[in-house]
Protein backbone atom coordinates (compact mmCIF):
# COMPACT_ATOMS: atom_id res chain seq x y z
CA GLY A 1 -1.56 -10.35 -14.71
CA ALA A 2 2.12 -9.99 -15.08
CA ALA A 3 1.78 -6.16 -14.81
CA CYS A 4 -0.31 -6.45 -11.57
CA TRP A 5 2.39 -8.99 -10.28
CA LEU A 6 5.31 -6.64 -11.04
CA LEU A 7 3.33 -3.67 -9.42
CA VAL A 8 2.77 -5.62 -6.10
CA TYR A 9 6.28 -6.97 -6.16
CA SER A 10 7.90 -3.37 -6.83
CA CYS A 11 5.62 -1.91 -3.98
CA GLU A 12 6.82 -4.73 -1.56
CA ARG A 13 10.48 -4.08 -2.44
CA LEU A 14 10.06 -0.21 -2.14
CA GLY A 15 8.44 -0.61 1.24
CA GLU A 16 11.10 -2.75 2.58
CA ALA A 17 13.82 -0.34 1.13
CA ILE A 18 12.55 2.70 2.73
CA ASP A 19 10.94 0.96 5.83
CA ILE A 20 7.39 2.05 5.19
CA PRO A 21 4.58 -0.57 5.51
CA ILE A 22 3.29 -2.08 2.35
CA TYR A 23 -0.22 -0.87 2.84
CA PHE A 24 1.00 2.86 2.80
CA ILE A 25 3.04 2.15 -0.24
CA ALA A 26 0.00 0.52 -1.83
CA VAL A 27 -2.28 3.49 -0.95
CA VAL A 28 0.26 5.90 -2.59
CA LEU A 29 1.97 4.08 -5.47
CA ALA A 30 -0.20 1.19 -6.43
CA SER A 31 -3.35 3.34 -6.43
CA ALA A 32 -1.60 6.07 -8.51
CA ALA A 33 -0.50 3.39 -10.95
CA THR A 34 -3.85 1.90 -11.51
CA SER A 35 -5.34 5.42 -11.80
CA VAL A 36 -3.10 6.44 -14.85
CA PRO A 37 -5.64 5.22 -17.40
CA ASP A 38 -8.41 7.07 -15.65
CA THR A 39 -6.30 10.24 -15.44
CA ILE A 40 -5.62 10.15 -19.27
CA ILE A 41 -9.44 9.71 -20.06
CA SER A 42 -10.35 12.47 -17.71
CA MET A 43 -7.76 14.74 -19.18
CA ARG A 44 -9.11 14.01 -22.69
CA ASP A 45 -12.65 14.57 -21.58
CA ALA A 46 -11.71 17.87 -19.83
CA MET A 47 -9.73 19.07 -23.02
CA LYS A 48 -12.81 18.45 -25.16
CA GLY A 49 -14.93 20.45 -22.57
CA ASN A 50 -16.67 17.28 -21.18
CA TYR A 51 -16.01 18.27 -17.64
CA ASP A 52 -18.82 16.31 -16.08
CA ASP A 53 -17.44 13.18 -17.76
CA ALA A 54 -13.89 13.85 -16.51
CA VAL A 55 -15.06 14.16 -12.88
CA SER A 56 -17.59 11.33 -13.01
CA ASN A 57 -14.99 9.08 -14.63
CA ALA A 58 -12.51 9.52 -11.58
CA ILE A 59 -15.20 9.24 -9.04
CA GLY A 60 -16.93 6.31 -10.70
CA SER A 61 -13.57 4.46 -11.17
CA ASN A 62 -12.63 4.78 -7.47
CA ILE A 63 -16.06 3.70 -6.23
CA PHE A 64 -15.91 0.64 -8.46
CA ASP A 65 -12.24 -0.08 -7.34
CA ILE A 66 -13.05 0.08 -3.66
CA CYS A 67 -16.52 -1.48 -3.62
CA PHE A 68 -16.01 -4.19 -6.26
CA ALA A 69 -12.31 -4.65 -7.13
CA LEU A 70 -11.44 -4.69 -3.51
CA GLY A 71 -14.67 -6.05 -1.98
CA PHE A 72 -15.33 -8.94 -4.28
CA PRO A 73 -11.87 -10.58 -3.94
CA VAL A 74 -11.89 -10.03 -0.14
CA PHE A 75 -15.36 -11.51 0.08
CA LEU A 76 -14.35 -14.63 -1.83
CA TYR A 77 -11.11 -15.02 0.28
CA THR A 78 -13.13 -15.02 3.55
CA LEU A 79 -15.74 -17.22 2.16
CA LEU A 80 -13.19 -19.79 1.22
CA TYR A 81 -10.54 -19.37 4.11
CA GLY A 82 -12.52 -17.43 6.96
CA PRO A 83 -11.73 -14.07 8.48
CA ILE A 84 -8.61 -12.22 7.75
CA GLU A 85 -6.47 -11.92 10.90
CA MET A 86 -4.32 -8.68 11.09
CA ASP A 87 -1.62 -7.61 13.56
CA HIS A 88 -2.72 -5.22 16.13
CA ALA A 89 -0.16 -2.61 14.95
CA ILE A 90 -1.25 -2.80 11.41
CA VAL A 91 -4.96 -2.39 12.48
CA GLU A 92 -4.00 0.78 14.34
CA ASP A 93 -2.06 2.24 11.43
CA VAL A 94 -4.91 1.53 9.04
CA ALA A 95 -7.37 3.07 11.38
CA VAL A 96 -5.36 6.27 11.42
CA LEU A 97 -5.10 6.01 7.57
CA ARG A 98 -8.97 5.60 7.44
CA ILE A 99 -9.54 8.62 9.47
CA LEU A 100 -7.13 10.71 7.49
CA LEU A 101 -8.96 9.51 4.28
CA LEU A 102 -12.21 10.35 5.73
CA PHE A 103 -11.15 13.96 6.42
CA ILE A 104 -9.50 14.36 2.98
CA THR A 105 -12.81 13.10 1.38
CA PHE A 106 -14.90 15.60 3.28
CA LEU A 107 -12.63 18.49 2.24
CA ALA A 108 -12.53 17.12 -1.40
CA VAL A 109 -16.40 17.14 -1.45
CA ALA A 110 -16.39 20.62 -0.02
CA ILE A 111 -14.11 21.82 -2.69
CA PHE A 112 -16.39 20.39 -5.44
CA TYR A 113 -19.51 21.63 -3.66
CA PHE A 114 -18.68 25.22 -3.13
CA GLY A 115 -18.27 27.54 -5.94
CA SER A 116 -19.21 27.00 -9.54
CA GLY A 117 -17.31 25.02 -11.92
CA MET A 118 -13.87 23.49 -11.72
CA GLY A 119 -10.99 25.95 -12.14
CA ARG A 120 -7.26 26.37 -11.45
CA GLY A 121 -7.90 27.30 -7.72
CA LYS A 122 -9.91 24.14 -7.07
CA ALA A 123 -7.36 22.01 -8.94
CA ILE A 124 -4.61 23.43 -6.80
CA LEU A 125 -6.63 22.77 -3.53
CA LEU A 126 -7.21 19.00 -4.59
CA PHE A 127 -3.60 18.64 -5.52
CA SER A 128 -2.59 20.25 -2.13
CA LEU A 129 -4.80 17.67 -0.40
CA TYR A 130 -2.77 14.88 -2.12
CA VAL A 131 0.54 16.50 -1.11
CA VAL A 132 -0.72 16.81 2.55
CA PHE A 133 -1.62 13.13 2.43
CA LEU A 134 1.78 12.16 1.01
CA VAL A 135 3.62 14.28 3.67
CA PHE A 136 1.51 12.59 6.41
CA ILE A 137 2.17 9.14 5.03
CA LEU A 138 5.89 9.62 4.77
CA GLY A 139 6.11 11.64 7.99
CA ASP A 140 4.08 9.09 10.04
CA LYS A 141 6.83 6.45 9.47
CA GLN A 142 9.94 8.28 8.65
CA ILE A 143 10.71 12.14 8.80
CA PHE A 144 8.50 14.25 11.14
CA ASP A 145 7.82 14.28 14.81
CA TYR A 146 4.66 16.24 14.58
CA ASN A 147 2.78 13.36 13.07
CA ASN A 148 2.80 11.41 16.22
CA ASP A 149 0.40 13.95 17.80
CA LEU A 150 -1.67 13.97 14.70
CA SER A 151 -1.62 10.12 14.57
CA ASP A 152 -2.74 9.94 18.22
CA PHE A 153 -5.50 12.32 17.59
CA MET A 154 -6.81 10.52 14.52
CA HIS A 155 -6.64 7.17 16.47
CA SER A 156 -8.66 8.71 19.25
CA ILE A 157 -11.29 9.58 16.63
CA ASP A 158 -11.34 6.08 15.42
CA VAL A 159 -11.89 4.82 18.94
CA ALA A 160 -14.60 7.25 19.59
CA LEU A 161 -16.25 5.87 16.26
CA ASN A 162 -16.10 2.27 17.38
CA PRO A 163 -19.58 2.16 18.97
CA LEU A 164 -20.98 3.21 15.68
CA ARG A 165 -19.65 0.32 13.76
CA PHE A 166 -22.53 -2.11 13.77
CA TRP A 167 -20.54 -4.79 11.76
CA LEU A 168 -17.90 -5.44 14.52
């Protein structure tokens, strides 16, 4: 519990210090910090030749984190306190992040799907996807002007997908 509190507190302070919203910091740093044990286990499995275990551990862990570790507490909170209201600007930023993550997920699945096995080339491609993600996150709020056009494009995709969201 103390480690979780320290992680959240550190992410909040870092977000304030470099003027990046906490949800971007959480997606980058908190998710990386909570994935360190999975990374170590996957590395050990890969070194032993258990490549399927290494990949399935990472995928299974992330599915569990998103569906249960996030979903269940949000469900309980909304059950007790009602819907969560978010500022419109945050909703738009998160929508852009959601579309970016969707594109990266499709690319990652394609990298896994095509070709046989997992080699250095695929590892470099996957790492490159993460670097692109980091550059976008930092650039969207700080550094690069080109991200405005890309953010607008992803936001337009999110708006186009709105009619498909049956839960709204």
